[in-house]
Protein backbone atom coordinates (compact mmCIF):
# COMPACT_ATOMS: atom_id res chain seq x y z
CA MET A 1 14.40 -3.41 18.30
CA LYS A 2 11.54 -1.59 16.79
CA LYS A 3 11.79 -0.40 13.14
CA LYS A 4 10.97 3.18 12.14
CA ILE A 5 8.04 3.55 9.62
CA ASN A 6 8.43 6.29 7.02
CA PRO A 7 5.36 8.51 7.31
CA ASN A 8 5.57 8.92 3.66
CA TRP A 9 4.46 5.40 3.11
CA VAL A 10 1.37 5.41 5.54
CA ASN A 11 -2.09 5.25 3.91
CA LYS A 12 -0.37 4.71 0.68
CA TYR A 13 -0.44 1.69 -2.09
CA PHE A 14 2.48 0.19 -3.91
CA ARG A 15 2.86 -2.76 -6.28
CA VAL A 16 4.19 -5.87 -4.93
CA ARG A 17 6.17 -8.62 -6.85
CA TYR A 18 5.68 -12.08 -5.49
CA SER A 19 6.51 -15.69 -6.46
CA SER A 20 3.57 -18.10 -7.28
CA LYS A 21 6.12 -20.82 -6.42
CA ASP A 22 7.32 -19.74 -2.93
CA PRO A 23 4.42 -17.43 -1.81
CA GLU A 24 6.37 -16.26 1.24
CA ILE A 25 8.92 -14.42 -1.05
CA ASN A 26 7.69 -11.02 -2.18
CA GLU A 27 9.07 -7.35 -2.87
CA ILE A 28 7.30 -4.25 -2.04
CA LEU A 29 8.09 -1.84 -5.25
CA LEU A 30 8.26 1.34 -3.25
CA ASP A 31 9.04 3.17 -6.67
CA GLN A 32 5.49 2.11 -7.90
CA TRP A 33 2.74 3.89 -6.29
CA VAL A 34 -0.85 2.79 -6.95
CA SER A 35 -3.28 5.89 -6.90
CA ASP A 36 -5.92 4.48 -9.02
CA THR A 37 -8.99 3.45 -6.54
CA VAL A 38 -10.47 0.83 -8.71
CA GLU A 39 -7.24 -1.01 -8.87
CA ILE A 40 -6.68 -0.54 -5.05
CA GLU A 41 -10.29 -1.84 -4.15
CA ALA A 42 -9.81 -4.71 -7.07
CA ALA A 43 -6.74 -5.82 -5.02
CA GLY A 44 -9.13 -6.04 -1.82
CA PHE A 45 -8.34 -2.89 -0.09
CA GLU A 46 -11.07 -0.58 1.48
CA ILE A 47 -10.54 3.01 0.74
CA ARG A 48 -11.60 5.18 3.55
CA ALA A 49 -12.46 8.86 2.89
CA LYS A 50 -9.90 11.18 4.45
CA ARG A 51 -11.63 13.38 7.25
CA HIS A 52 -10.88 16.73 7.10
CA SER A 53 -10.61 18.97 10.19
CA LYS A 54 -13.18 21.51 10.83
CA GLU A 55 -11.73 25.19 11.22
């Protein structure tokens, strides 16, 4: 069964709580959106510029 992806979460960044004792245990905190590009890049993500369609 394929799960539906919430389009509001695509291309967005959220905080994650994880266990240092058991790294397989983690929790995405969907109520804690990260918008600071410096913080996002420091976490290892690459920010791509949005392309705007020409009118």
